[in-house]
Each structure stands twice: as C-alpha cells, then as structure tokens.
Amino acid sequence: MQKSNVLLLTLFKEKEQKGVITGKFYEYLRAGKPIIAFGYTQSDAALLLEKFNSGNIFEYDEIDRLTVYIEKLFSDYHHNKKMVVDEKISDFSRAHLAKKYADLIVSAI
C-alpha cells in the first residue's frame, strides 16, 4: 500500500448502505495516499474523505468526473505535489484505536 501513488476503494452504491464504512477505508485513510472511491456520494465515507482531504468518491457511472480527477492526480504527481492530509487521520491508526478501547475497558472495570 505504501508503494502505491493512489488507492482504489469500492464501497456500496446503495443509499441504504450510506453509513457503512469498511475497515479497509480506515486503513486507506491512514496510508495518507489519495483515495479514489466508488460508492454512494452522499455517504459517511464521502464525508470523511472530504473532511480529511483524502480523496474523492464517485458514483459507478461518473466517468467524466473521474477522468478529471485522475488527470489532476497525475498532474500533481508529475509536479511533485504531495497531498496534504489532515493530521487527525492518525486517530484512525490501529494502535491509537486499540489504546482507546483498552482505556475504555480499564475504566469500566
């Protein structure tokens, strides 16, 4: 994953699945690479991508918009522009989440 320049993620395209976020999504966020996601564009995943400036989500038939985005990513890569990722993404690392859960369990005992 760290050798990749862009990460591709397929998510659910149905409105009913808009709140479903996969573990792979969080792994990709933490990688700090641009994410091209396919799924429902009004989903929680779309909100997080925007919030953390981590990529873009497309409906499965949005070829023109996807093409423009890929061209932008390629141009940025060609000009050595790195994606600026929100530092709060580290909150989603497995180590941070494990510590958070461990603290929660200890406080409940």
PDB file of N, CA and C in Angstrom:
ATOM      1  N   MET A   1       0.823  -1.186   0.000  1.00  0.00           N
ATOM      2  CA  MET A   1       0.000   0.000   0.000  1.00  0.00           C
ATOM      3  C   MET A   1       0.877   1.263   0.000  1.00  0.00           C
ATOM      4  N   GLN A   2       1.985   1.231   0.746  1.00  0.00           N
ATOM      5  CA  GLN A   2       2.833   2.417   0.832  1.00  0.00           C
ATOM      6  C   GLN A   2       3.572   2.709  -0.477  1.00  0.00           C
ATOM      7  N   LYS A   3       3.725   1.712  -1.343  1.00  0.00           N
ATOM      8  CA  LYS A   3       4.386   1.938  -2.629  1.00  0.00           C
ATOM      9  C   LYS A   3       3.424   2.507  -3.667  1.00  0.00           C
ATOM     10  N   SER A   4       2.144   2.481  -3.374  1.00  0.00           N
ATOM     11  CA  SER A   4       1.132   2.987  -4.309  1.00  0.00           C
ATOM     12  C   SER A   4       1.100   4.507  -4.291  1.00  0.00           C
ATOM     13  N   ASN A   5       0.734   5.074  -5.420  1.00  0.00           N
ATOM     14  CA  ASN A   5       0.558   6.522  -5.504  1.00  0.00           C
ATOM     15  C   ASN A   5      -0.890   6.920  -5.253  1.00  0.00           C
ATOM     16  N   VAL A   6      -1.797   6.021  -5.593  1.00  0.00           N
ATOM     17  CA  VAL A   6      -3.230   6.250  -5.432  1.00  0.00           C
ATOM     18  C   VAL A   6      -3.853   4.932  -4.978  1.00  0.00           C
ATOM     19  N   LEU A   7      -4.848   5.030  -4.115  1.00  0.00           N
ATOM     20  CA  LEU A   7      -5.535   3.835  -3.620  1.00  0.00           C
ATOM     21  C   LEU A   7      -6.949   3.786  -4.184  1.00  0.00           C
ATOM     22  N   LEU A   8      -7.380   2.607  -4.575  1.00  0.00           N
ATOM     23  CA  LEU A   8      -8.705   2.400  -5.154  1.00  0.00           C
ATOM     24  C   LEU A   8      -9.565   1.632  -4.165  1.00  0.00           C
ATOM     25  N   LEU A   9     -10.757   2.152  -3.904  1.00  0.00           N
ATOM     26  CA  LEU A   9     -11.653   1.542  -2.933  1.00  0.00           C
ATOM     27  C   LEU A   9     -13.061   1.464  -3.512  1.00  0.00           C
ATOM     28  N   THR A  10     -13.641   0.285  -3.460  1.00  0.00           N
ATOM     29  CA  THR A  10     -15.028   0.135  -3.892  1.00  0.00           C
ATOM     30  C   THR A  10     -15.900  -0.029  -2.655  1.00  0.00           C
ATOM     31  N   LEU A  11     -16.947   0.775  -2.616  1.00  0.00           N
ATOM     32  CA  LEU A  11     -17.888   0.756  -1.499  1.00  0.00           C
ATOM     33  C   LEU A  11     -19.277   0.437  -2.026  1.00  0.00           C
ATOM     34  N   PHE A  12     -20.238   0.369  -1.123  1.00  0.00           N
ATOM     35  CA  PHE A  12     -21.615   0.095  -1.507  1.00  0.00           C
ATOM     36  C   PHE A  12     -22.186   1.276  -2.291  1.00  0.00           C
ATOM     37  N   LYS A  13     -22.993   0.989  -3.294  1.00  0.00           N
ATOM     38  CA  LYS A  13     -23.572   2.073  -4.075  1.00  0.00           C
ATOM     39  C   LYS A  13     -25.023   2.360  -3.715  1.00  0.00           C
ATOM     40  N   GLU A  14     -25.607   1.572  -2.842  1.00  0.00           N
ATOM     41  CA  GLU A  14     -26.993   1.764  -2.465  1.00  0.00           C
ATOM     42  C   GLU A  14     -27.115   2.792  -1.335  1.00  0.00           C
ATOM     43  N   LYS A  15     -28.140   3.629  -1.407  1.00  0.00           N
ATOM     44  CA  LYS A  15     -28.386   4.646  -0.376  1.00  0.00           C
ATOM     45  C   LYS A  15     -28.485   4.029   1.007  1.00  0.00           C
ATOM     46  N   GLU A  16     -29.087   2.862   1.082  1.00  0.00           N
ATOM     47  CA  GLU A  16     -29.310   2.203   2.367  1.00  0.00           C
ATOM     48  C   GLU A  16     -28.000   1.853   3.068  1.00  0.00           C
ATOM     49  N   GLN A  17     -26.911   1.829   2.330  1.00  0.00           N
ATOM     50  CA  GLN A  17     -25.610   1.463   2.885  1.00  0.00           C
ATOM     51  C   GLN A  17     -24.742   2.688   3.185  1.00  0.00           C
ATOM     52  N   LYS A  18     -25.344   3.889   3.172  1.00  0.00           N
ATOM     53  CA  LYS A  18     -24.552   5.112   3.275  1.00  0.00           C
ATOM     54  C   LYS A  18     -23.776   5.243   4.584  1.00  0.00           C
ATOM     55  N   GLY A  19     -24.185   4.556   5.631  1.00  0.00           N
ATOM     56  CA  GLY A  19     -23.492   4.630   6.910  1.00  0.00           C
ATOM     57  C   GLY A  19     -22.453   3.544   7.110  1.00  0.00           C
ATOM     58  N   VAL A  20     -22.320   2.641   6.147  1.00  0.00           N
ATOM     59  CA  VAL A  20     -21.372   1.529   6.272  1.00  0.00           C
ATOM     60  C   VAL A  20     -19.986   1.993   5.839  1.00  0.00           C
ATOM     61  N   ILE A  21     -19.030   1.848   6.738  1.00  0.00           N
ATOM     62  CA  ILE A  21     -17.642   2.189   6.428  1.00  0.00           C
ATOM     63  C   ILE A  21     -16.792   0.959   6.761  1.00  0.00           C
ATOM     64  N   THR A  22     -16.041   0.503   5.788  1.00  0.00           N
ATOM     65  CA  THR A  22     -15.258  -0.717   5.963  1.00  0.00           C
ATOM     66  C   THR A  22     -13.944  -0.443   6.698  1.00  0.00           C
ATOM     67  N   GLY A  23     -13.370  -1.482   7.257  1.00  0.00           N
ATOM     68  CA  GLY A  23     -12.061  -1.367   7.886  1.00  0.00           C
ATOM     69  C   GLY A  23     -10.997  -0.958   6.883  1.00  0.00           C
ATOM     70  N   LYS A  24     -11.127  -1.434   5.658  1.00  0.00           N
ATOM     71  CA  LYS A  24     -10.175  -1.082   4.599  1.00  0.00           C
ATOM     72  C   LYS A  24     -10.177   0.425   4.364  1.00  0.00           C
ATOM     73  N   PHE A  25     -11.344   1.059   4.488  1.00  0.00           N
ATOM     74  CA  PHE A  25     -11.435   2.511   4.314  1.00  0.00           C
ATOM     75  C   PHE A  25     -10.510   3.213   5.308  1.00  0.00           C
ATOM     76  N   TYR A  26     -10.554   2.787   6.565  1.00  0.00           N
ATOM     77  CA  TYR A  26      -9.723   3.415   7.590  1.00  0.00           C
ATOM     78  C   TYR A  26      -8.237   3.138   7.357  1.00  0.00           C
ATOM     79  N   GLU A  27      -7.910   1.944   6.871  1.00  0.00           N
ATOM     80  CA  GLU A  27      -6.520   1.633   6.537  1.00  0.00           C
ATOM     81  C   GLU A  27      -6.026   2.569   5.435  1.00  0.00           C
ATOM     82  N   TYR A  28      -6.867   2.784   4.442  1.00  0.00           N
ATOM     83  CA  TYR A  28      -6.512   3.680   3.343  1.00  0.00           C
ATOM     84  C   TYR A  28      -6.350   5.112   3.839  1.00  0.00           C
ATOM     85  N   LEU A  29      -7.251   5.572   4.690  1.00  0.00           N
ATOM     86  CA  LEU A  29      -7.122   6.921   5.252  1.00  0.00           C
ATOM     87  C   LEU A  29      -5.762   7.082   5.908  1.00  0.00           C
ATOM     88  N   ARG A  30      -5.418   6.108   6.729  1.00  0.00           N
ATOM     89  CA  ARG A  30      -4.178   6.166   7.497  1.00  0.00           C
ATOM     90  C   ARG A  30      -2.952   6.146   6.586  1.00  0.00           C
ATOM     91  N   ALA A  31      -3.058   5.561   5.404  1.00  0.00           N
ATOM     92  CA  ALA A  31      -1.922   5.480   4.485  1.00  0.00           C
ATOM     93  C   ALA A  31      -1.490   6.851   3.979  1.00  0.00           C
ATOM     94  N   GLY A  32      -2.405   7.811   3.996  1.00  0.00           N
ATOM     95  CA  GLY A  32      -2.061   9.165   3.573  1.00  0.00           C
ATOM     96  C   GLY A  32      -1.880   9.330   2.079  1.00  0.00           C
ATOM     97  N   LYS A  33      -2.443   8.419   1.313  1.00  0.00           N
ATOM     98  CA  LYS A  33      -2.386   8.488  -0.152  1.00  0.00           C
ATOM     99  C   LYS A  33      -3.749   8.927  -0.671  1.00  0.00           C
ATOM    100  N   PRO A  34      -3.795   9.553  -1.861  1.00  0.00           N
ATOM    101  CA  PRO A  34      -5.094   9.902  -2.429  1.00  0.00           C
ATOM    102  C   PRO A  34      -5.940   8.647  -2.649  1.00  0.00           C
ATOM    103  N   ILE A  35      -7.207   8.738  -2.303  1.00  0.00           N
ATOM    104  CA  ILE A  35      -8.132   7.611  -2.448  1.00  0.00           C
ATOM    105  C   ILE A  35      -9.133   7.925  -3.549  1.00  0.00           C
ATOM    106  N   ILE A  36      -9.262   7.005  -4.471  1.00  0.00           N
ATOM    107  CA  ILE A  36     -10.347   7.049  -5.453  1.00  0.00           C
ATOM    108  C   ILE A  36     -11.331   5.991  -4.991  1.00  0.00           C
ATOM    109  N   ALA A  37     -12.501   6.442  -4.578  1.00  0.00           N
ATOM    110  CA  ALA A  37     -13.514   5.516  -4.066  1.00  0.00           C
ATOM    111  C   ALA A  37     -14.725   5.525  -4.986  1.00  0.00           C
ATOM    112  N   PHE A  38     -15.347   4.376  -5.112  1.00  0.00           N
ATOM    113  CA  PHE A  38     -16.603   4.251  -5.843  1.00  0.00           C
ATOM    114  C   PHE A  38     -17.673   3.837  -4.859  1.00  0.00           C
ATOM    115  N   GLY A  39     -18.803   4.532  -4.896  1.00  0.00           N
ATOM    116  CA  GLY A  39     -19.890   4.228  -3.991  1.00  0.00           C
ATOM    117  C   GLY A  39     -20.906   5.360  -3.986  1.00  0.00           C
ATOM    118  N   TYR A  40     -21.722   5.388  -2.964  1.00  0.00           N
ATOM    119  CA  TYR A  40     -22.763   6.403  -2.821  1.00  0.00           C
ATOM    120  C   TYR A  40     -22.109   7.718  -2.404  1.00  0.00           C
ATOM    121  N   THR A  41     -22.277   8.755  -3.202  1.00  0.00           N
ATOM    122  CA  THR A  41     -21.555  10.014  -2.970  1.00  0.00           C
ATOM    123  C   THR A  41     -22.097  10.831  -1.796  1.00  0.00           C
ATOM    124  N   GLN A  42     -23.200  10.433  -1.219  1.00  0.00           N
ATOM    125  CA  GLN A  42     -23.745  11.124  -0.046  1.00  0.00           C
ATOM    126  C   GLN A  42     -23.562  10.266   1.208  1.00  0.00           C
ATOM    127  N   SER A  43     -22.541   9.456   1.219  1.00  0.00           N
ATOM    128  CA  SER A  43     -22.312   8.515   2.322  1.00  0.00           C
ATOM    129  C   SER A  43     -21.416   9.116   3.399  1.00  0.00           C
ATOM    130  N   ASP A  44     -21.343   8.415   4.515  1.00  0.00           N
ATOM    131  CA  ASP A  44     -20.430   8.818   5.589  1.00  0.00           C
ATOM    132  C   ASP A  44     -18.982   8.754   5.116  1.00  0.00           C
ATOM    133  N   ALA A  45     -18.661   7.785   4.282  1.00  0.00           N
ATOM    134  CA  ALA A  45     -17.302   7.676   3.737  1.00  0.00           C
ATOM    135  C   ALA A  45     -16.964   8.914   2.911  1.00  0.00           C
ATOM    136  N   ALA A  46     -17.916   9.384   2.124  1.00  0.00           N
ATOM    137  CA  ALA A  46     -17.693  10.597   1.319  1.00  0.00           C
ATOM    138  C   ALA A  46     -17.429  11.801   2.220  1.00  0.00           C
ATOM    139  N   LEU A  47     -18.170  11.888   3.307  1.00  0.00           N
ATOM    140  CA  LEU A  47     -17.965  12.995   4.251  1.00  0.00           C
ATOM    141  C   LEU A  47     -16.565  12.946   4.866  1.00  0.00           C
ATOM    142  N   LEU A  48     -16.113  11.753   5.222  1.00  0.00           N
ATOM    143  CA  LEU A  48     -14.777  11.615   5.811  1.00  0.00           C
ATOM    144  C   LEU A  48     -13.679  11.920   4.792  1.00  0.00           C
ATOM    145  N   LEU A  49     -13.860  11.490   3.548  1.00  0.00           N
ATOM    146  CA  LEU A  49     -12.874  11.805   2.519  1.00  0.00           C
ATOM    147  C   LEU A  49     -12.727  13.312   2.361  1.00  0.00           C
ATOM    148  N   GLU A  50     -13.859  13.995   2.368  1.00  0.00           N
ATOM    149  CA  GLU A  50     -13.826  15.450   2.245  1.00  0.00           C
ATOM    150  C   GLU A  50     -13.234  16.101   3.499  1.00  0.00           C
ATOM    151  N   LYS A  51     -13.672  15.645   4.665  1.00  0.00           N
ATOM    152  CA  LYS A  51     -13.205  16.219   5.926  1.00  0.00           C
ATOM    153  C   LYS A  51     -11.686  16.134   6.057  1.00  0.00           C
ATOM    154  N   PHE A  52     -11.121  15.004   5.679  1.00  0.00           N
ATOM    155  CA  PHE A  52      -9.691  14.793   5.836  1.00  0.00           C
ATOM    156  C   PHE A  52      -8.895  15.063   4.560  1.00  0.00           C
ATOM    157  N   ASN A  53      -9.547  15.580   3.538  1.00  0.00           N
ATOM    158  CA  ASN A  53      -8.875  15.897   2.281  1.00  0.00           C
ATOM    159  C   ASN A  53      -8.068  14.695   1.783  1.00  0.00           C
ATOM    160  N   SER A  54      -8.729  13.539   1.748  1.00  0.00           N
ATOM    161  CA  SER A  54      -8.020  12.290   1.467  1.00  0.00           C
ATOM    162  C   SER A  54      -8.355  11.655   0.134  1.00  0.00           C
ATOM    163  N   GLY A  55      -9.179  12.289  -0.659  1.00  0.00           N
ATOM    164  CA  GLY A  55      -9.531  11.698  -1.937  1.00  0.00           C
ATOM    165  C   GLY A  55     -10.915  12.128  -2.357  1.00  0.00           C
ATOM    166  N   ASN A  56     -11.495  11.323  -3.227  1.00  0.00           N
ATOM    167  CA  ASN A  56     -12.812  11.651  -3.772  1.00  0.00           C
ATOM    168  C   ASN A  56     -13.598  10.374  -3.999  1.00  0.00           C
ATOM    169  N   ILE A  57     -14.906  10.504  -3.910  1.00  0.00           N
ATOM    170  CA  ILE A  57     -15.787   9.356  -4.146  1.00  0.00           C
ATOM    171  C   ILE A  57     -16.631   9.632  -5.379  1.00  0.00           C
ATOM    172  N   PHE A  58     -16.859   8.604  -6.156  1.00  0.00           N
ATOM    173  CA  PHE A  58     -17.584   8.714  -7.417  1.00  0.00           C
ATOM    174  C   PHE A  58     -18.679   7.670  -7.478  1.00  0.00           C
ATOM    175  N   GLU A  59     -19.781   8.043  -8.104  1.00  0.00           N
ATOM    176  CA  GLU A  59     -20.786   7.039  -8.450  1.00  0.00           C
ATOM    177  C   GLU A  59     -20.141   6.146  -9.515  1.00  0.00           C
ATOM    178  N   TYR A  60     -20.637   4.945  -9.648  1.00  0.00           N
ATOM    179  CA  TYR A  60     -20.020   3.982 -10.557  1.00  0.00           C
ATOM    180  C   TYR A  60     -20.080   4.403 -12.028  1.00  0.00           C
ATOM    181  N   ASP A  61     -20.946   5.352 -12.372  1.00  0.00           N
ATOM    182  CA  ASP A  61     -21.072   5.766 -13.775  1.00  0.00           C
ATOM    183  C   ASP A  61     -20.537   7.172 -14.038  1.00  0.00           C
ATOM    184  N   GLU A  62     -19.812   7.753 -13.106  1.00  0.00           N
ATOM    185  CA  GLU A  62     -19.294   9.120 -13.251  1.00  0.00           C
ATOM    186  C   GLU A  62     -17.933   9.149 -13.952  1.00  0.00           C
ATOM    187  N   ILE A  63     -17.908   8.749 -15.187  1.00  0.00           N
ATOM    188  CA  ILE A  63     -16.657   8.609 -15.918  1.00  0.00           C
ATOM    189  C   ILE A  63     -15.989   9.965 -16.166  1.00  0.00           C
ATOM    190  N   ASP A  64     -16.751  10.971 -16.552  1.00  0.00           N
ATOM    191  CA  ASP A  64     -16.154  12.273 -16.859  1.00  0.00           C
ATOM    192  C   ASP A  64     -15.518  12.910 -15.628  1.00  0.00           C
ATOM    193  N   ARG A  65     -16.214  12.908 -14.530  1.00  0.00           N
ATOM    194  CA  ARG A  65     -15.691  13.486 -13.290  1.00  0.00           C
ATOM    195  C   ARG A  65     -14.475  12.707 -12.792  1.00  0.00           C
ATOM    196  N   LEU A  66     -14.536  11.393 -12.919  1.00  0.00           N
ATOM    197  CA  LEU A  66     -13.410  10.544 -12.535  1.00  0.00           C
ATOM    198  C   LEU A  66     -12.183  10.850 -13.394  1.00  0.00           C
ATOM    199  N   THR A  67     -12.385  11.013 -14.685  1.00  0.00           N
ATOM    200  CA  THR A  67     -11.284  11.315 -15.605  1.00  0.00           C
ATOM    201  C   THR A  67     -10.589  12.615 -15.214  1.00  0.00           C
ATOM    202  N   VAL A  68     -11.373  13.635 -14.910  1.00  0.00           N
ATOM    203  CA  VAL A  68     -10.816  14.928 -14.491  1.00  0.00           C
ATOM    204  C   VAL A  68      -9.990  14.763 -13.215  1.00  0.00           C
ATOM    205  N   TYR A  69     -10.503  13.985 -12.273  1.00  0.00           N
ATOM    206  CA  TYR A  69      -9.799  13.780 -11.007  1.00  0.00           C
ATOM    207  C   TYR A  69      -8.487  13.018 -11.217  1.00  0.00           C
ATOM    208  N   ILE A  70      -8.513  11.991 -12.042  1.00  0.00           N
ATOM    209  CA  ILE A  70      -7.297  11.226 -12.310  1.00  0.00           C
ATOM    210  C   ILE A  70      -6.260  12.106 -13.006  1.00  0.00           C
ATOM    211  N   GLU A  71      -6.713  12.946 -13.932  1.00  0.00           N
ATOM    212  CA  GLU A  71      -5.787  13.860 -14.601  1.00  0.00           C
ATOM    213  C   GLU A  71      -5.160  14.832 -13.603  1.00  0.00           C
ATOM    214  N   LYS A  72      -5.931  15.298 -12.630  1.00  0.00           N
ATOM    215  CA  LYS A  72      -5.410  16.185 -11.591  1.00  0.00           C
ATOM    216  C   LYS A  72      -4.372  15.449 -10.748  1.00  0.00           C
ATOM    217  N   LEU A  73      -4.690  14.228 -10.340  1.00  0.00           N
ATOM    218  CA  LEU A  73      -3.742  13.442  -9.555  1.00  0.00           C
ATOM    219  C   LEU A  73      -2.440  13.215 -10.326  1.00  0.00           C
ATOM    220  N   PHE A  74      -2.573  12.925 -11.613  1.00  0.00           N
ATOM    221  CA  PHE A  74      -1.386  12.693 -12.438  1.00  0.00           C
ATOM    222  C   PHE A  74      -0.555  13.967 -12.546  1.00  0.00           C
ATOM    223  N   SER A  75      -1.207  15.096 -12.748  1.00  0.00           N
ATOM    224  CA  SER A  75      -0.514  16.378 -12.831  1.00  0.00           C
ATOM    225  C   SER A  75       0.202  16.689 -11.518  1.00  0.00           C
ATOM    226  N   ASP A  76      -0.495  16.470 -10.405  1.00  0.00           N
ATOM    227  CA  ASP A  76       0.118  16.694  -9.085  1.00  0.00           C
ATOM    228  C   ASP A  76       1.347  15.800  -8.909  1.00  0.00           C
ATOM    229  N   TYR A  77       1.227  14.542  -9.302  1.00  0.00           N
ATOM    230  CA  TYR A  77       2.335  13.597  -9.198  1.00  0.00           C
ATOM    231  C   TYR A  77       3.506  14.056 -10.070  1.00  0.00           C
ATOM    232  N   HIS A  78       3.183  14.453 -11.292  1.00  0.00           N
ATOM    233  CA  HIS A  78       4.206  14.886 -12.248  1.00  0.00           C
ATOM    234  C   HIS A  78       4.956  16.122 -11.733  1.00  0.00           C
ATOM    235  N   HIS A  79       4.256  16.995 -11.001  1.00  0.00           N
ATOM    236  CA  HIS A  79       4.855  18.218 -10.460  1.00  0.00           C
ATOM    237  C   HIS A  79       5.301  18.058  -9.002  1.00  0.00           C
ATOM    238  N   ASN A  80       5.392  16.813  -8.555  1.00  0.00           N
ATOM    239  CA  ASN A  80       5.834  16.500  -7.185  1.00  0.00           C
ATOM    240  C   ASN A  80       4.994  17.162  -6.103  1.00  0.00           C
ATOM    241  N   LYS A  81       3.716  17.364  -6.364  1.00  0.00           N
ATOM    242  CA  LYS A  81       2.826  17.915  -5.343  1.00  0.00           C
ATOM    243  C   LYS A  81       2.319  16.771  -4.484  1.00  0.00           C
ATOM    244  N   LYS A  82       2.540  16.885  -3.215  1.00  0.00           N
ATOM    245  CA  LYS A  82       2.054  15.875  -2.269  1.00  0.00           C
ATOM    246  C   LYS A  82       0.681  16.295  -1.758  1.00  0.00           C
ATOM    247  N   MET A  83      -0.148  15.319  -1.514  1.00  0.00           N
ATOM    248  CA  MET A  83      -1.461  15.585  -0.943  1.00  0.00           C
ATOM    249  C   MET A  83      -1.279  15.992   0.521  1.00  0.00           C
ATOM    250  N   VAL A  84      -1.932  17.064   0.914  1.00  0.00           N
ATOM    251  CA  VAL A  84      -1.886  17.500   2.305  1.00  0.00           C
ATOM    252  C   VAL A  84      -3.023  16.819   3.042  1.00  0.00           C
ATOM    253  N   VAL A  85      -2.650  15.979   4.000  1.00  0.00           N
ATOM    254  CA  VAL A  85      -3.632  15.179   4.718  1.00  0.00           C
ATOM    255  C   VAL A  85      -3.785  15.725   6.132  1.00  0.00           C
ATOM    256  N   ASP A  86      -4.996  15.778   6.603  1.00  0.00           N
ATOM    257  CA  ASP A  86      -5.280  16.247   7.957  1.00  0.00           C
ATOM    258  C   ASP A  86      -4.574  15.354   8.976  1.00  0.00           C
ATOM    259  N   GLU A  87      -3.908  15.968   9.938  1.00  0.00           N
ATOM    260  CA  GLU A  87      -3.168  15.212  10.954  1.00  0.00           C
ATOM    261  C   GLU A  87      -4.061  14.317  11.806  1.00  0.00           C
ATOM    262  N   LYS A  88      -5.332  14.631  11.899  1.00  0.00           N
ATOM    263  CA  LYS A  88      -6.239  13.856  12.745  1.00  0.00           C
ATOM    264  C   LYS A  88      -6.483  12.451  12.200  1.00  0.00           C
ATOM    265  N   ILE A  89      -5.995  12.179  11.011  1.00  0.00           N
ATOM    266  CA  ILE A  89      -6.138  10.834  10.453  1.00  0.00           C
ATOM    267  C   ILE A  89      -5.438   9.821  11.350  1.00  0.00           C
ATOM    268  N   SER A  90      -4.382  10.245  12.037  1.00  0.00           N
ATOM    269  CA  SER A  90      -3.664   9.317  12.920  1.00  0.00           C
ATOM    270  C   SER A  90      -4.582   8.769  14.004  1.00  0.00           C
ATOM    271  N   ASP A  91      -5.692   9.443  14.277  1.00  0.00           N
ATOM    272  CA  ASP A  91      -6.679   8.934  15.236  1.00  0.00           C
ATOM    273  C   ASP A  91      -7.276   7.605  14.788  1.00  0.00           C
ATOM    274  N   PHE A  92      -7.137   7.273  13.511  1.00  0.00           N
ATOM    275  CA  PHE A  92      -7.709   6.044  12.976  1.00  0.00           C
ATOM    276  C   PHE A  92      -6.697   4.905  12.890  1.00  0.00           C
ATOM    277  N   SER A  93      -5.482   5.122  13.350  1.00  0.00           N
ATOM    278  CA  SER A  93      -4.489   4.051  13.302  1.00  0.00           C
ATOM    279  C   SER A  93      -4.926   2.926  14.241  1.00  0.00           C
ATOM    280  N   ARG A  94      -4.525   1.727  13.912  1.00  0.00           N
ATOM    281  CA  ARG A  94      -4.898   0.583  14.750  1.00  0.00           C
ATOM    282  C   ARG A  94      -4.343   0.741  16.162  1.00  0.00           C
ATOM    283  N   ALA A  95      -3.128   1.256  16.278  1.00  0.00           N
ATOM    284  CA  ALA A  95      -2.531   1.431  17.607  1.00  0.00           C
ATOM    285  C   ALA A  95      -3.335   2.429  18.441  1.00  0.00           C
ATOM    286  N   HIS A  96      -3.724   3.532  17.822  1.00  0.00           N
ATOM    287  CA  HIS A  96      -4.498   4.539  18.553  1.00  0.00           C
ATOM    288  C   HIS A  96      -5.865   3.996  18.965  1.00  0.00           C
ATOM    289  N   LEU A  97      -6.526   3.315  18.040  1.00  0.00           N
ATOM    290  CA  LEU A  97      -7.853   2.761  18.350  1.00  0.00           C
ATOM    291  C   LEU A  97      -7.761   1.671  19.411  1.00  0.00           C
ATOM    292  N   ALA A  98      -6.728   0.835  19.337  1.00  0.00           N
ATOM    293  CA  ALA A  98      -6.552  -0.223  20.340  1.00  0.00           C
ATOM    294  C   ALA A  98      -6.344   0.384  21.724  1.00  0.00           C
ATOM    295  N   LYS A  99      -5.544   1.439  21.803  1.00  0.00           N
ATOM    296  CA  LYS A  99      -5.321   2.107  23.081  1.00  0.00           C
ATOM    297  C   LYS A  99      -6.612   2.726  23.601  1.00  0.00           C
ATOM    298  N   LYS A 100      -7.365   3.313  22.703  1.00  0.00           N
ATOM    299  CA  LYS A 100      -8.635   3.929  23.090  1.00  0.00           C
ATOM    300  C   LYS A 100      -9.596   2.881  23.671  1.00  0.00           C
ATOM    301  N   TYR A 101      -9.686   1.729  23.015  1.00  0.00           N
ATOM    302  CA  TYR A 101     -10.551   0.658  23.509  1.00  0.00           C
ATOM    303  C   TYR A 101     -10.041   0.070  24.814  1.00  0.00           C
ATOM    304  N   ALA A 102      -8.730  -0.076  24.912  1.00  0.00           N
ATOM    305  CA  ALA A 102      -8.145  -0.604  26.149  1.00  0.00           C
ATOM    306  C   ALA A 102      -8.428   0.335  27.319  1.00  0.00           C
ATOM    307  N   ASP A 103      -8.274   1.628  27.088  1.00  0.00           N
ATOM    308  CA  ASP A 103      -8.585   2.612  28.137  1.00  0.00           C
ATOM    309  C   ASP A 103     -10.050   2.547  28.545  1.00  0.00           C
ATOM    310  N   LEU A 104     -10.905   2.343  27.575  1.00  0.00           N
ATOM    311  CA  LEU A 104     -12.330   2.242  27.848  1.00  0.00           C
ATOM    312  C   LEU A 104     -12.641   1.014  28.706  1.00  0.00           C
ATOM    313  N   ILE A 105     -12.014  -0.101  28.367  1.00  0.00           N
ATOM    314  CA  ILE A 105     -12.233  -1.342  29.140  1.00  0.00           C
ATOM    315  C   ILE A 105     -11.700  -1.178  30.548  1.00  0.00           C
ATOM    316  N   VAL A 106     -10.515  -0.602  30.689  1.00  0.00           N
ATOM    317  CA  VAL A 106      -9.932  -0.402  32.021  1.00  0.00           C
ATOM    318  C   VAL A 106     -10.808   0.514  32.858  1.00  0.00           C
ATOM    319  N   SER A 107     -11.355   1.539  32.261  1.00  0.00           N
ATOM    320  CA  SER A 107     -12.200   2.469  33.022  1.00  0.00           C
ATOM    321  C   SER A 107     -13.518   1.821  33.431  1.00  0.00           C
ATOM    322  N   ALA A 108     -13.934   0.786  32.715  1.00  0.00           N
ATOM    323  CA  ALA A 108     -15.197   0.111  33.039  1.00  0.00           C
ATOM    324  C   ALA A 108     -15.013  -0.928  34.162  1.00  0.00           C
ATOM    325  N   ILE A 109     -13.784  -1.318  34.425  1.00  0.00           N
ATOM    326  CA  ILE A 109     -13.520  -2.354  35.429  1.00  0.00           C
ATOM    327  C   ILE A 109     -13.539  -1.789  36.813  1.00  0.00           C
TER     328      ILE A 109
END
